[in-house]
Amino acid sequence: MELSVVVPTLNGREHLVRCLDALSEHVSSAEIIVANGPSVDGTTGMVRRRDDVDVLVEIGERNINVARNAGIDRATGTVIAFLDYWLIVEERWIDAIRTAFDHVATAHRASGHGPLLPAVITGPVHRSQCGGVRSDTVDRRTINGTRVTYFDGGNVAFRRDALEAIDGFDESLAMGSARDSAHRLAHLGYNVVWEPTFSVRQDAHPRHTTENHKADTPGFRPRCHATDVAAREWDWRYRSLTYRLVKNYGFRSLWRVARHTAADVKTALTSIARGNTRPSDWLTNGRNIVTGAAGGLKDGFIARLRDRSPQRNPNGVSTRADRAVAVYDRRDQ
């Protein structure tokens, strides 16, 4: 097994230093690729001074999925892992990858059984909070007869063939692209395995990051306060939800959007009754939910027409070659 680790980053130099230090400590013989940008905090200089980063890819778009796909473009490993820059790999992280992809692959080859499994592994993110540590748990759903295992896009490892089969991440999504990828993997029959030892730690949330770089985790919901950012988050969330459901399952999935809307309306009304939210804020958020869902419906239908294959990715790695504005590759030296 040859491992490539892609770390997308944006204005997070201090967090990135700790992330890379942990990789150096716990992960040996891996190809490290940092997809940066457009950062203005000195990240470029810091990364270029390190000798443990093999490739630095500078991009010009504030979109985590463009960064991920730019990393895929440069990765050479048979396994490609993605790690958010504010996360720190724990001691058994690399052992989980080896066990999943090396040992299982060897066993399958020896037995002569069908396709190698697993295709993707994911695991918990341990987040510090008052009174202890909160950990993610496995999240599985059955949608229109398809069993889907969701994963955190900031802590996941793919077999290369599985990643190529879905053509990377959908760059039209500002949030929720990992969940979209989970749907597409399930349709193609690739197995996503939850491995508790494939764990990372988040000591603190980054302060200087765009919504694109923080809102691709399972269970993300906008904060309930009256700001322009919160309003945009409702718009983005419902655009993403409707887009990926319509793109992957067609119009018959719209009842799920309605169910999510009903749940959010109930939560908002409860918050108003308790005095935590103003009615005017609720109306603003409601308008953004409708706008986002309408945009997602239109874009999801167009995307479904553009790519009618099970891949369902008209905005993937293969669709463009102009993501990188600069590349610093130590492998050429």
C-alpha atoms as a PDB file:
ATOM      1  CA  MET A   1       0.000   0.000   0.000  1.00  0.00           C
ATOM      2  CA  GLU A   2       1.218   3.488  -0.911  1.00  0.00           C
ATOM      3  CA  LEU A   3      -0.501   6.280   1.025  1.00  0.00           C
ATOM      4  CA  SER A   4      -1.089   9.890   0.006  1.00  0.00           C
ATOM      5  CA  VAL A   5      -2.522  12.317   2.584  1.00  0.00           C
ATOM      6  CA  VAL A   6      -4.249  15.444   1.223  1.00  0.00           C
ATOM      7  CA  VAL A   7      -4.620  18.359   3.660  1.00  0.00           C
ATOM      8  CA  PRO A   8      -6.774  21.249   2.346  1.00  0.00           C
ATOM      9  CA  THR A   9      -6.120  24.500   4.209  1.00  0.00           C
ATOM     10  CA  LEU A  10      -7.244  28.113   4.217  1.00  0.00           C
ATOM     11  CA  ASN A  11      -5.860  30.784   6.564  1.00  0.00           C
ATOM     12  CA  GLY A  12      -5.090  28.234   9.246  1.00  0.00           C
ATOM     13  CA  ARG A  13      -1.321  28.303   9.599  1.00  0.00           C
ATOM     14  CA  GLU A  14      -1.181  27.660  13.363  1.00  0.00           C
ATOM     15  CA  HIS A  15      -3.594  24.729  13.158  1.00  0.00           C
ATOM     16  CA  LEU A  16      -1.852  23.382  10.069  1.00  0.00           C
ATOM     17  CA  VAL A  17       1.505  23.318  11.880  1.00  0.00           C
ATOM     18  CA  ARG A  18       0.056  21.061  14.586  1.00  0.00           C
ATOM     19  CA  CYS A  19      -1.659  18.889  11.978  1.00  0.00           C
ATOM     20  CA  LEU A  20       1.576  18.385  10.007  1.00  0.00           C
ATOM     21  CA  ASP A  21       3.615  17.809  13.171  1.00  0.00           C
ATOM     22  CA  ALA A  22       1.252  14.990  14.168  1.00  0.00           C
ATOM     23  CA  LEU A  23       1.484  13.457  10.711  1.00  0.00           C
ATOM     24  CA  SER A  24       5.280  13.529  10.932  1.00  0.00           C
ATOM     25  CA  GLU A  25       5.152  11.872  14.339  1.00  0.00           C
ATOM     26  CA  HIS A  26       2.645   9.115  13.611  1.00  0.00           C
ATOM     27  CA  VAL A  27       2.632   8.609   9.828  1.00  0.00           C
ATOM     28  CA  SER A  28       5.840   7.501   8.139  1.00  0.00           C
ATOM     29  CA  SER A  29       6.414   6.780   4.444  1.00  0.00           C
ATOM     30  CA  ALA A  30       3.341   8.698   3.335  1.00  0.00           C
ATOM     31  CA  GLU A  31       3.127  11.296   0.599  1.00  0.00           C
ATOM     32  CA  ILE A  32       1.903  14.566   2.165  1.00  0.00           C
ATOM     33  CA  ILE A  33       0.086  17.046  -0.085  1.00  0.00           C
ATOM     34  CA  VAL A  34      -1.092  20.441   1.154  1.00  0.00           C
ATOM     35  CA  ALA A  35      -3.718  22.193  -0.971  1.00  0.00           C
ATOM     36  CA  ASN A  36      -3.589  25.811   0.133  1.00  0.00           C
ATOM     37  CA  GLY A  37      -5.534  28.858  -0.638  1.00  0.00           C
ATOM     38  CA  PRO A  38      -6.085  31.424  -1.174  1.00  0.00           C
ATOM     39  CA  SER A  39      -4.448  31.992   2.243  1.00  0.00           C
ATOM     40  CA  VAL A  40      -3.063  35.371   3.329  1.00  0.00           C
ATOM     41  CA  ASP A  41      -1.531  34.359   6.673  1.00  0.00           C
ATOM     42  CA  GLY A  42       1.897  33.138   5.576  1.00  0.00           C
ATOM     43  CA  THR A  43       0.874  29.513   5.082  1.00  0.00           C
ATOM     44  CA  THR A  44       2.802  29.236   1.817  1.00  0.00           C
ATOM     45  CA  GLY A  45       6.136  30.231   3.341  1.00  0.00           C
ATOM     46  CA  MET A  46       5.640  28.016   6.360  1.00  0.00           C
ATOM     47  CA  VAL A  47       4.859  24.938   4.271  1.00  0.00           C
ATOM     48  CA  ARG A  48       7.734  25.531   1.842  1.00  0.00           C
ATOM     49  CA  ARG A  49      10.179  25.668   4.764  1.00  0.00           C
ATOM     50  CA  ARG A  50       9.123  22.212   5.973  1.00  0.00           C
ATOM     51  CA  ASP A  51      10.823  19.118   4.618  1.00  0.00           C
ATOM     52  CA  ASP A  52       7.948  16.773   5.500  1.00  0.00           C
ATOM     53  CA  VAL A  53       5.518  18.110   2.867  1.00  0.00           C
ATOM     54  CA  ASP A  54       6.020  16.563  -0.556  1.00  0.00           C
ATOM     55  CA  VAL A  55       3.701  18.788  -2.587  1.00  0.00           C
ATOM     56  CA  LEU A  56       2.225  22.243  -2.009  1.00  0.00           C
ATOM     57  CA  VAL A  57      -0.609  23.107  -4.375  1.00  0.00           C
ATOM     58  CA  GLU A  58      -1.730  26.744  -4.418  1.00  0.00           C
ATOM     59  CA  ILE A  59      -5.321  27.290  -5.532  1.00  0.00           C
ATOM     60  CA  GLY A  60      -7.283  30.461  -6.135  1.00  0.00           C
ATOM     61  CA  GLU A  61     -10.786  29.446  -5.053  1.00  0.00           C
ATOM     62  CA  ARG A  62     -12.299  29.419  -1.561  1.00  0.00           C
ATOM     63  CA  ASN A  63     -13.840  25.985  -1.999  1.00  0.00           C
ATOM     64  CA  ILE A  64     -12.725  22.938  -0.042  1.00  0.00           C
ATOM     65  CA  ASN A  65     -13.793  20.579  -2.807  1.00  0.00           C
ATOM     66  CA  VAL A  66     -11.599  22.366  -5.340  1.00  0.00           C
ATOM     67  CA  ALA A  67      -8.746  21.949  -2.843  1.00  0.00           C
ATOM     68  CA  ARG A  68      -9.500  18.253  -2.372  1.00  0.00           C
ATOM     69  CA  ASN A  69      -9.660  17.637  -6.109  1.00  0.00           C
ATOM     70  CA  ALA A  70      -6.440  19.591  -6.635  1.00  0.00           C
ATOM     71  CA  GLY A  71      -4.821  17.217  -4.144  1.00  0.00           C
ATOM     72  CA  ILE A  72      -6.213  14.199  -5.976  1.00  0.00           C
ATOM     73  CA  ASP A  73      -4.640  15.539  -9.180  1.00  0.00           C
ATOM     74  CA  ARG A  74      -1.177  15.372  -7.552  1.00  0.00           C
ATOM     75  CA  ALA A  75      -1.541  12.242  -5.409  1.00  0.00           C
ATOM     76  CA  THR A  76       0.230   9.065  -6.507  1.00  0.00           C
ATOM     77  CA  GLY A  77      -0.794   6.674  -3.719  1.00  0.00           C
ATOM     78  CA  THR A  78      -2.961   3.588  -4.073  1.00  0.00           C
ATOM     79  CA  VAL A  79      -4.800   4.918  -0.997  1.00  0.00           C
ATOM     80  CA  ILE A  80      -5.671   8.619  -0.685  1.00  0.00           C
ATOM     81  CA  ALA A  81      -6.651  10.057   2.699  1.00  0.00           C
ATOM     82  CA  PHE A  82      -8.165  13.476   3.384  1.00  0.00           C
ATOM     83  CA  LEU A  83      -7.491  15.318   6.633  1.00  0.00           C
ATOM     84  CA  ASP A  84      -8.833  18.706   7.724  1.00  0.00           C
ATOM     85  CA  TYR A  85      -6.056  21.071   8.748  1.00  0.00           C
ATOM     86  CA  TRP A  86      -7.485  21.653  12.236  1.00  0.00           C
ATOM     87  CA  LEU A  87      -7.454  17.933  13.103  1.00  0.00           C
ATOM     88  CA  ILE A  88      -4.632  15.927  14.658  1.00  0.00           C
ATOM     89  CA  VAL A  89      -4.178  12.266  13.819  1.00  0.00           C
ATOM     90  CA  GLU A  90      -4.004   9.938  16.800  1.00  0.00           C
ATOM     91  CA  GLU A  91      -1.480   7.188  17.349  1.00  0.00           C
ATOM     92  CA  ARG A  92      -3.407   4.303  15.757  1.00  0.00           C
ATOM     93  CA  TRP A  93      -4.618   6.264  12.722  1.00  0.00           C
ATOM     94  CA  ILE A  94      -2.034   4.854  10.330  1.00  0.00           C
ATOM     95  CA  ASP A  95      -2.410   1.333  11.750  1.00  0.00           C
ATOM     96  CA  ALA A  96      -6.118   1.466  10.933  1.00  0.00           C
ATOM     97  CA  ILE A  97      -5.305   2.303   7.300  1.00  0.00           C
ATOM     98  CA  ARG A  98      -2.759  -0.491   7.038  1.00  0.00           C
ATOM     99  CA  THR A  99      -5.108  -3.007   8.591  1.00  0.00           C
ATOM    100  CA  ALA A 100      -7.991  -2.002   6.348  1.00  0.00           C
ATOM    101  CA  PHE A 101      -6.164  -1.807   3.038  1.00  0.00           C
ATOM    102  CA  ASP A 102      -3.024  -3.941   3.363  1.00  0.00           C
ATOM    103  CA  HIS A 103      -4.220  -6.932   5.379  1.00  0.00           C
ATOM    104  CA  VAL A 104      -7.703  -7.139   3.889  1.00  0.00           C
ATOM    105  CA  ALA A 105      -6.370  -6.784   0.348  1.00  0.00           C
ATOM    106  CA  THR A 106      -3.830  -9.546   0.936  1.00  0.00           C
ATOM    107  CA  ALA A 107      -6.500 -11.851   2.339  1.00  0.00           C
ATOM    108  CA  HIS A 108      -8.838 -11.254  -0.599  1.00  0.00           C
ATOM    109  CA  ARG A 109      -6.105 -11.811  -3.163  1.00  0.00           C
ATOM    110  CA  ALA A 110      -5.087 -15.043  -1.477  1.00  0.00           C
ATOM    111  CA  SER A 111      -8.650 -16.339  -1.310  1.00  0.00           C
ATOM    112  CA  GLY A 112      -9.514 -15.389  -4.874  1.00  0.00           C
ATOM    113  CA  HIS A 113     -12.712 -13.621  -3.802  1.00  0.00           C
ATOM    114  CA  GLY A 114     -14.277 -10.720  -5.672  1.00  0.00           C
ATOM    115  CA  PRO A 115     -13.508  -7.012  -5.369  1.00  0.00           C
ATOM    116  CA  LEU A 116     -11.245  -5.875  -2.566  1.00  0.00           C
ATOM    117  CA  LEU A 117     -12.971  -4.445   0.496  1.00  0.00           C
ATOM    118  CA  PRO A 118     -13.225  -1.986   2.074  1.00  0.00           C
ATOM    119  CA  ALA A 119     -13.164   0.773  -0.518  1.00  0.00           C
ATOM    120  CA  VAL A 120     -13.333   3.603   2.036  1.00  0.00           C
ATOM    121  CA  ILE A 121     -12.677   3.862   5.767  1.00  0.00           C
ATOM    122  CA  THR A 122     -13.721   6.595   8.133  1.00  0.00           C
ATOM    123  CA  GLY A 123     -13.667   7.062  11.889  1.00  0.00           C
ATOM    124  CA  PRO A 124     -14.441   9.315  14.828  1.00  0.00           C
ATOM    125  CA  VAL A 125     -13.432  12.917  15.391  1.00  0.00           C
ATOM    126  CA  HIS A 126     -12.806  13.511  19.116  1.00  0.00           C
ATOM    127  CA  ARG A 127     -13.815  17.072  19.965  1.00  0.00           C
ATOM    128  CA  SER A 128     -12.937  18.752  23.251  1.00  0.00           C
ATOM    129  CA  GLN A 129     -15.804  20.386  25.116  1.00  0.00           C
ATOM    130  CA  CYS A 130     -16.709  21.460  28.601  1.00  0.00           C
ATOM    131  CA  GLY A 131     -16.805  18.436  30.870  1.00  0.00           C
ATOM    132  CA  GLY A 132     -15.073  16.002  28.536  1.00  0.00           C
ATOM    133  CA  VAL A 133     -14.660  14.898  24.934  1.00  0.00           C
ATOM    134  CA  ARG A 134     -17.400  14.304  22.356  1.00  0.00           C
ATOM    135  CA  SER A 135     -16.882  11.702  19.638  1.00  0.00           C
ATOM    136  CA  ASP A 136     -18.681  11.064  16.377  1.00  0.00           C
ATOM    137  CA  THR A 137     -20.440   7.755  15.860  1.00  0.00           C
ATOM    138  CA  VAL A 138     -21.264   5.817  12.711  1.00  0.00           C
ATOM    139  CA  ASP A 139     -24.124   7.337  10.710  1.00  0.00           C
ATOM    140  CA  ARG A 140     -26.020   5.054   8.319  1.00  0.00           C
ATOM    141  CA  ARG A 141     -29.294   5.611   6.471  1.00  0.00           C
ATOM    142  CA  THR A 142     -31.375   3.685   3.951  1.00  0.00           C
ATOM    143  CA  ILE A 143     -32.590   5.971   1.170  1.00  0.00           C
ATOM    144  CA  ASN A 144     -34.856   4.589  -1.562  1.00  0.00           C
ATOM    145  CA  GLY A 145     -33.541   1.109  -0.859  1.00  0.00           C
ATOM    146  CA  THR A 146     -29.862   2.111  -0.889  1.00  0.00           C
ATOM    147  CA  ARG A 147     -27.842   1.666   2.316  1.00  0.00           C
ATOM    148  CA  VAL A 148     -25.608   4.724   2.775  1.00  0.00           C
ATOM    149  CA  THR A 149     -22.772   5.086   5.296  1.00  0.00           C
ATOM    150  CA  TYR A 150     -21.860   8.743   5.794  1.00  0.00           C
ATOM    151  CA  PHE A 151     -18.360   9.921   6.582  1.00  0.00           C
ATOM    152  CA  ASP A 152     -16.609  13.078   7.717  1.00  0.00           C
ATOM    153  CA  GLY A 153     -14.805  14.555   4.709  1.00  0.00           C
ATOM    154  CA  GLY A 154     -12.022  15.692   7.035  1.00  0.00           C
ATOM    155  CA  ASN A 155     -11.118  12.173   8.185  1.00  0.00           C
ATOM    156  CA  VAL A 156     -11.504   9.594   5.449  1.00  0.00           C
ATOM    157  CA  ALA A 157      -9.301   7.319   3.328  1.00  0.00           C
ATOM    158  CA  PHE A 158     -10.217   6.001  -0.135  1.00  0.00           C
ATOM    159  CA  ARG A 159      -8.881   3.225  -2.251  1.00  0.00           C
ATOM    160  CA  ARG A 160      -7.825   5.010  -5.435  1.00  0.00           C
ATOM    161  CA  ASP A 161     -10.168   3.045  -7.679  1.00  0.00           C
ATOM    162  CA  ALA A 162     -13.171   4.013  -5.540  1.00  0.00           C
ATOM    163  CA  LEU A 163     -12.206   7.681  -5.641  1.00  0.00           C
ATOM    164  CA  GLU A 164     -11.722   7.528  -9.400  1.00  0.00           C
ATOM    165  CA  ALA A 165     -15.070   5.770  -9.823  1.00  0.00           C
ATOM    166  CA  ILE A 166     -16.912   8.762  -8.316  1.00  0.00           C
ATOM    167  CA  ASP A 167     -14.522  11.261  -9.988  1.00  0.00           C
ATOM    168  CA  GLY A 168     -13.595  12.908  -6.699  1.00  0.00           C
ATOM    169  CA  PHE A 169     -15.736  15.544  -5.008  1.00  0.00           C
ATOM    170  CA  ASP A 170     -18.516  17.672  -6.512  1.00  0.00           C
ATOM    171  CA  GLU A 171     -17.133  21.219  -6.697  1.00  0.00           C
ATOM    172  CA  SER A 172     -20.534  22.840  -7.074  1.00  0.00           C
ATOM    173  CA  LEU A 173     -21.290  22.147  -3.398  1.00  0.00           C
ATOM    174  CA  ALA A 174     -20.315  24.661  -0.729  1.00  0.00           C
ATOM    175  CA  MET A 175     -21.196  22.134   1.984  1.00  0.00           C
ATOM    176  CA  GLY A 176     -22.262  18.524   2.186  1.00  0.00           C
ATOM    177  CA  SER A 177     -19.981  17.149  -0.531  1.00  0.00           C
ATOM    178  CA  ALA A 178     -18.867  14.265   1.694  1.00  0.00           C
ATOM    179  CA  ARG A 179     -22.481  13.187   2.135  1.00  0.00           C
ATOM    180  CA  ASP A 180     -22.982  13.504  -1.608  1.00  0.00           C
ATOM    181  CA  SER A 181     -19.937  11.277  -2.159  1.00  0.00           C
ATOM    182  CA  ALA A 182     -21.353   8.713   0.278  1.00  0.00           C
ATOM    183  CA  HIS A 183     -24.544   8.483  -1.800  1.00  0.00           C
ATOM    184  CA  ARG A 184     -22.583   7.973  -4.999  1.00  0.00           C
ATOM    185  CA  LEU A 185     -20.304   5.346  -3.474  1.00  0.00           C
ATOM    186  CA  ALA A 186     -23.351   3.425  -2.241  1.00  0.00           C
ATOM    187  CA  HIS A 187     -24.965   3.498  -5.694  1.00  0.00           C
ATOM    188  CA  LEU A 188     -21.780   2.054  -7.198  1.00  0.00           C
ATOM    189  CA  GLY A 189     -21.573  -0.710  -4.599  1.00  0.00           C
ATOM    190  CA  TYR A 190     -18.456   0.506  -2.762  1.00  0.00           C
ATOM    191  CA  ASN A 191     -18.282  -0.300   0.916  1.00  0.00           C
ATOM    192  CA  VAL A 192     -17.630   2.468   3.475  1.00  0.00           C
ATOM    193  CA  VAL A 193     -16.322   0.985   6.734  1.00  0.00           C
ATOM    194  CA  TRP A 194     -16.428   2.687  10.125  1.00  0.00           C
ATOM    195  CA  GLU A 195     -13.202   2.001  12.033  1.00  0.00           C
ATOM    196  CA  PRO A 196     -13.060   3.365  15.619  1.00  0.00           C
ATOM    197  CA  THR A 197      -9.238   3.362  15.674  1.00  0.00           C
ATOM    198  CA  PHE A 198      -9.112   5.577  12.570  1.00  0.00           C
ATOM    199  CA  SER A 199      -9.503   8.566  14.855  1.00  0.00           C
ATOM    200  CA  VAL A 200      -8.433  12.187  14.956  1.00  0.00           C
ATOM    201  CA  ARG A 201      -8.593  14.883  17.609  1.00  0.00           C
ATOM    202  CA  GLN A 202      -9.849  18.445  17.381  1.00  0.00           C
ATOM    203  CA  ASP A 203      -8.472  20.530  20.216  1.00  0.00           C
ATOM    204  CA  ALA A 204      -9.984  23.821  19.080  1.00  0.00           C
ATOM    205  CA  HIS A 205     -12.109  25.055  16.202  1.00  0.00           C
ATOM    206  CA  PRO A 206     -10.266  27.237  13.689  1.00  0.00           C
ATOM    207  CA  ARG A 207     -11.197  30.891  13.815  1.00  0.00           C
ATOM    208  CA  HIS A 208     -10.110  31.926  10.345  1.00  0.00           C
ATOM    209  CA  THR A 209     -11.896  29.590   7.997  1.00  0.00           C
ATOM    210  CA  THR A 210     -14.631  29.996   5.426  1.00  0.00           C
ATOM    211  CA  GLU A 211     -17.964  28.276   5.634  1.00  0.00           C
ATOM    212  CA  ASN A 212     -16.762  26.018   2.814  1.00  0.00           C
ATOM    213  CA  HIS A 213     -14.017  24.666   5.053  1.00  0.00           C
ATOM    214  CA  LYS A 214     -16.082  24.019   8.173  1.00  0.00           C
ATOM    215  CA  ALA A 215     -19.465  22.808   7.005  1.00  0.00           C
ATOM    216  CA  ASP A 216     -18.789  19.428   5.423  1.00  0.00           C
ATOM    217  CA  THR A 217     -19.223  17.289   8.508  1.00  0.00           C
ATOM    218  CA  PRO A 218     -22.113  14.979   9.394  1.00  0.00           C
ATOM    219  CA  GLY A 219     -24.857  16.658  11.397  1.00  0.00           C
ATOM    220  CA  PHE A 220     -23.770  20.230  10.648  1.00  0.00           C
ATOM    221  CA  ARG A 221     -26.546  22.729  11.275  1.00  0.00           C
ATOM    222  CA  PRO A 222     -26.446  26.507  11.054  1.00  0.00           C
ATOM    223  CA  ARG A 223     -26.209  28.462  14.265  1.00  0.00           C
ATOM    224  CA  CYS A 224     -29.449  30.025  15.453  1.00  0.00           C
ATOM    225  CA  HIS A 225     -28.563  33.685  15.576  1.00  0.00           C
ATOM    226  CA  ALA A 226     -29.475  36.645  13.435  1.00  0.00           C
ATOM    227  CA  THR A 227     -26.421  37.365  11.302  1.00  0.00           C
ATOM    228  CA  ASP A 228     -25.791  37.424   7.579  1.00  0.00           C
ATOM    229  CA  VAL A 229     -23.544  34.375   7.931  1.00  0.00           C
ATOM    230  CA  ALA A 230     -26.252  32.362   9.697  1.00  0.00           C
ATOM    231  CA  ALA A 231     -28.756  33.282   6.978  1.00  0.00           C
ATOM    232  CA  ARG A 232     -26.332  32.213   4.259  1.00  0.00           C
ATOM    233  CA  GLU A 233     -25.749  28.944   6.072  1.00  0.00           C
ATOM    234  CA  TRP A 234     -29.466  28.088   5.940  1.00  0.00           C
ATOM    235  CA  ASP A 235     -29.437  28.894   2.228  1.00  0.00           C
ATOM    236  CA  TRP A 236     -26.355  26.749   1.624  1.00  0.00           C
ATOM    237  CA  ARG A 237     -27.609  23.859   3.769  1.00  0.00           C
ATOM    238  CA  TYR A 238     -30.902  23.546   1.932  1.00  0.00           C
ATOM    239  CA  ARG A 239     -29.346  24.087  -1.463  1.00  0.00           C
ATOM    240  CA  SER A 240     -26.893  21.271  -0.718  1.00  0.00           C
ATOM    241  CA  LEU A 241     -29.546  18.962   0.751  1.00  0.00           C
ATOM    242  CA  THR A 242     -31.954  19.391  -2.162  1.00  0.00           C
ATOM    243  CA  TYR A 243     -29.208  19.319  -4.793  1.00  0.00           C
ATOM    244  CA  ARG A 244     -27.644  16.057  -3.689  1.00  0.00           C
ATOM    245  CA  LEU A 245     -30.976  14.283  -3.134  1.00  0.00           C
ATOM    246  CA  VAL A 246     -32.413  15.317  -6.512  1.00  0.00           C
ATOM    247  CA  LYS A 247     -29.133  14.640  -8.322  1.00  0.00           C
ATOM    248  CA  ASN A 248     -28.741  11.158  -6.845  1.00  0.00           C
ATOM    249  CA  TYR A 249     -32.363   9.991  -6.416  1.00  0.00           C
ATOM    250  CA  GLY A 250     -34.586  12.209  -8.553  1.00  0.00           C
ATOM    251  CA  PHE A 251     -37.732  14.089  -7.576  1.00  0.00           C
ATOM    252  CA  ARG A 252     -39.090  11.193  -5.491  1.00  0.00           C
ATOM    253  CA  SER A 253     -36.612  12.214  -2.776  1.00  0.00           C
ATOM    254  CA  LEU A 254     -38.176  15.659  -2.212  1.00  0.00           C
ATOM    255  CA  TRP A 255     -40.268  14.354   0.673  1.00  0.00           C
ATOM    256  CA  ARG A 256     -37.012  14.115   2.632  1.00  0.00           C
ATOM    257  CA  VAL A 257     -36.430  17.822   2.095  1.00  0.00           C
ATOM    258  CA  ALA A 258     -39.945  18.482   3.388  1.00  0.00           C
ATOM    259  CA  ARG A 259     -39.234  16.330   6.463  1.00  0.00           C
ATOM    260  CA  HIS A 260     -36.038  18.264   7.224  1.00  0.00           C
ATOM    261  CA  THR A 261     -37.921  21.540   6.783  1.00  0.00           C
ATOM    262  CA  ALA A 262     -40.685  20.472   9.176  1.00  0.00           C
ATOM    263  CA  ALA A 263     -38.117  19.507  11.809  1.00  0.00           C
ATOM    264  CA  ASP A 264     -36.292  22.831  11.504  1.00  0.00           C
ATOM    265  CA  VAL A 265     -39.566  24.795  11.637  1.00  0.00           C
ATOM    266  CA  LYS A 266     -40.529  22.974  14.840  1.00  0.00           C
ATOM    267  CA  THR A 267     -37.137  23.721  16.400  1.00  0.00           C
ATOM    268  CA  ALA A 268     -37.359  27.383  15.403  1.00  0.00           C
ATOM    269  CA  LEU A 269     -40.872  27.787  16.817  1.00  0.00           C
ATOM    270  CA  THR A 270     -39.714  26.242  20.095  1.00  0.00           C
ATOM    271  CA  SER A 271     -36.819  28.697  20.189  1.00  0.00           C
ATOM    272  CA  ILE A 272     -39.201  31.628  19.613  1.00  0.00           C
ATOM    273  CA  ALA A 273     -41.513  30.412  22.371  1.00  0.00           C
ATOM    274  CA  ARG A 274     -38.559  30.324  24.769  1.00  0.00           C
ATOM    275  CA  GLY A 275     -37.463  33.798  23.770  1.00  0.00           C
ATOM    276  CA  ASN A 276     -34.183  32.666  22.232  1.00  0.00           C
ATOM    277  CA  THR A 277     -35.062  33.719  18.676  1.00  0.00           C
ATOM    278  CA  ARG A 278     -36.921  36.739  17.342  1.00  0.00           C
ATOM    279  CA  PRO A 279     -39.830  36.126  14.917  1.00  0.00           C
ATOM    280  CA  SER A 280     -38.152  38.390  12.351  1.00  0.00           C
ATOM    281  CA  ASP A 281     -35.047  36.169  12.423  1.00  0.00           C
ATOM    282  CA  TRP A 282     -37.213  33.105  11.899  1.00  0.00           C
ATOM    283  CA  LEU A 283     -38.874  34.698   8.869  1.00  0.00           C
ATOM    284  CA  THR A 284     -35.483  35.611   7.403  1.00  0.00           C
ATOM    285  CA  ASN A 285     -34.186  32.086   7.870  1.00  0.00           C
ATOM    286  CA  GLY A 286     -37.399  30.681   6.376  1.00  0.00           C
ATOM    287  CA  ARG A 287     -36.953  32.797   3.284  1.00  0.00           C
ATOM    288  CA  ASN A 288     -33.391  31.542   2.905  1.00  0.00           C
ATOM    289  CA  ILE A 289     -34.529  27.936   3.332  1.00  0.00           C
ATOM    290  CA  VAL A 290     -37.020  28.363   0.485  1.00  0.00           C
ATOM    291  CA  THR A 291     -34.456  30.127  -1.705  1.00  0.00           C
ATOM    292  CA  GLY A 292     -31.814  27.493  -1.049  1.00  0.00           C
ATOM    293  CA  ALA A 293     -34.162  24.573  -1.678  1.00  0.00           C
ATOM    294  CA  ALA A 294     -35.378  26.126  -4.938  1.00  0.00           C
ATOM    295  CA  GLY A 295     -31.813  26.656  -6.135  1.00  0.00           C
ATOM    296  CA  GLY A 296     -30.847  23.130  -5.150  1.00  0.00           C
ATOM    297  CA  LEU A 297     -33.872  21.699  -6.951  1.00  0.00           C
ATOM    298  CA  LYS A 298     -32.941  23.465 -10.191  1.00  0.00           C
ATOM    299  CA  ASP A 299     -29.217  22.716 -10.000  1.00  0.00           C
ATOM    300  CA  GLY A 300     -29.774  19.110  -8.909  1.00  0.00           C
ATOM    301  CA  PHE A 301     -32.094  18.457 -11.843  1.00  0.00           C
ATOM    302  CA  ILE A 302     -29.585  19.966 -14.281  1.00  0.00           C
ATOM    303  CA  ALA A 303     -26.737  17.930 -12.752  1.00  0.00           C
ATOM    304  CA  ARG A 304     -28.821  14.748 -13.031  1.00  0.00           C
ATOM    305  CA  LEU A 305     -29.366  15.452 -16.728  1.00  0.00           C
ATOM    306  CA  ARG A 306     -25.685  16.277 -17.312  1.00  0.00           C
ATOM    307  CA  ASP A 307     -24.428  13.035 -15.770  1.00  0.00           C
ATOM    308  CA  ARG A 308     -26.901  10.174 -16.025  1.00  0.00           C
ATOM    309  CA  SER A 309     -24.322   7.561 -15.053  1.00  0.00           C
ATOM    310  CA  PRO A 310     -24.142   6.145 -11.485  1.00  0.00           C
ATOM    311  CA  GLN A 311     -21.108   8.418 -11.002  1.00  0.00           C
ATOM    312  CA  ARG A 312     -23.425  11.451 -10.774  1.00  0.00           C
ATOM    313  CA  ASN A 313     -20.628  14.001 -10.764  1.00  0.00           C
ATOM    314  CA  PRO A 314     -20.662  16.604 -13.531  1.00  0.00           C
ATOM    315  CA  ASN A 315     -18.255  18.792 -11.496  1.00  0.00           C
ATOM    316  CA  GLY A 316     -15.524  16.326 -10.546  1.00  0.00           C
ATOM    317  CA  VAL A 317     -11.769  15.944 -10.924  1.00  0.00           C
ATOM    318  CA  SER A 318     -11.859  15.139 -14.638  1.00  0.00           C
ATOM    319  CA  THR A 319     -13.900  18.195 -15.636  1.00  0.00           C
ATOM    320  CA  ARG A 320     -11.076  20.741 -15.451  1.00  0.00           C
ATOM    321  CA  ALA A 321      -7.292  21.122 -15.229  1.00  0.00           C
ATOM    322  CA  ASP A 322      -6.916  24.724 -14.049  1.00  0.00           C
ATOM    323  CA  ARG A 323      -7.339  24.417 -10.280  1.00  0.00           C
ATOM    324  CA  ALA A 324      -3.690  25.021  -9.354  1.00  0.00           C
ATOM    325  CA  VAL A 325      -2.183  28.491  -9.750  1.00  0.00           C
ATOM    326  CA  ALA A 326       1.213  27.229  -8.502  1.00  0.00           C
ATOM    327  CA  VAL A 327       2.711  23.867  -7.520  1.00  0.00           C
ATOM    328  CA  TYR A 328       5.834  23.265  -5.402  1.00  0.00           C
ATOM    329  CA  ASP A 329       6.813  19.625  -5.754  1.00  0.00           C
ATOM    330  CA  ARG A 330       9.724  18.235  -3.756  1.00  0.00           C
ATOM    331  CA  ARG A 331       9.395  14.933  -5.601  1.00  0.00           C
ATOM    332  CA  ASP A 332      10.944  16.608  -8.654  1.00  0.00           C
ATOM    333  CA  GLN A 333      14.059  17.636  -6.716  1.00  0.00           C
END
